[in-house]
Amino acid sequence: MHFCPNCGAPVVSGSNFCQKCGANLKQEAAKLAALKQGAPVADMGKKRGCYNC
């Protein structure tokens, strides 16, 4: 079983978006893979806090 990296909800394998929070699972998976390889995190701008709001 897979889980959404954004909200932790269970997701169906192969899904593109989380049914609960709407996170783009393909994009989140790419970010996690880059972090595991030691790549720098993309600049999220000057906004602080929740980037989904």
Protein backbone atom coordinates (compact mmCIF):
# COMPACT_ATOMS: atom_id res chain seq x y z
CA MET A 1 0.00 0.00 0.00
CA HIS A 2 1.23 3.48 -0.85
CA PHE A 3 0.67 6.66 1.13
CA CYS A 4 0.48 10.31 0.13
CA PRO A 5 3.72 12.10 1.11
CA ASN A 6 1.72 15.29 1.68
CA CYS A 7 -1.10 14.13 4.00
CA GLY A 8 -0.33 10.47 4.71
CA ALA A 9 -3.61 9.13 3.33
CA PRO A 10 -3.52 5.72 1.64
CA VAL A 11 -3.50 5.98 -2.17
CA VAL A 12 -4.06 3.49 -4.96
CA SER A 13 -0.85 2.43 -6.65
CA GLY A 14 -0.39 4.28 -9.94
CA SER A 15 -2.60 7.24 -8.95
CA ASN A 16 -1.56 10.68 -10.17
CA PHE A 17 -3.30 12.63 -7.41
CA CYS A 18 -4.20 12.02 -3.76
CA GLN A 19 -7.97 11.50 -3.31
CA LYS A 20 -7.87 13.27 0.08
CA CYS A 21 -5.70 16.38 -0.38
CA GLY A 22 -5.25 16.54 -4.16
CA ALA A 23 -1.44 16.47 -4.05
CA ASN A 24 0.27 15.64 -7.35
CA LEU A 25 1.77 12.26 -6.44
CA LYS A 26 4.09 12.10 -9.47
CA GLN A 27 5.56 15.50 -8.60
CA GLU A 28 5.88 14.61 -4.89
CA ALA A 29 7.60 11.32 -5.76
CA ALA A 30 10.11 13.19 -7.93
CA LYS A 31 10.83 15.63 -5.08
CA LEU A 32 11.39 12.77 -2.62
CA ALA A 33 13.70 10.98 -5.06
CA ALA A 34 15.74 14.17 -5.52
CA LEU A 35 16.02 14.66 -1.76
CA LYS A 36 17.17 11.08 -1.27
CA GLN A 37 19.91 11.70 -3.85
CA GLY A 38 21.01 14.86 -2.06
CA ALA A 39 19.73 17.36 -4.62
CA PRO A 40 18.93 20.85 -3.32
CA VAL A 41 15.27 21.64 -2.70
CA ALA A 42 13.74 24.10 -5.16
CA ASP A 43 13.25 27.59 -3.78
CA MET A 44 9.66 27.96 -2.63
CA GLY A 45 9.86 31.75 -2.64
CA LYS A 46 9.59 34.05 0.34
CA LYS A 47 6.27 32.63 1.53
CA ARG A 48 6.55 30.83 4.84
CA GLY A 49 4.20 28.22 6.22
CA CYS A 50 1.80 26.13 4.19
CA TYR A 51 2.62 26.17 0.48
CA ASN A 52 -0.76 24.64 -0.40
CA CYS A 53 -2.81 27.58 0.86
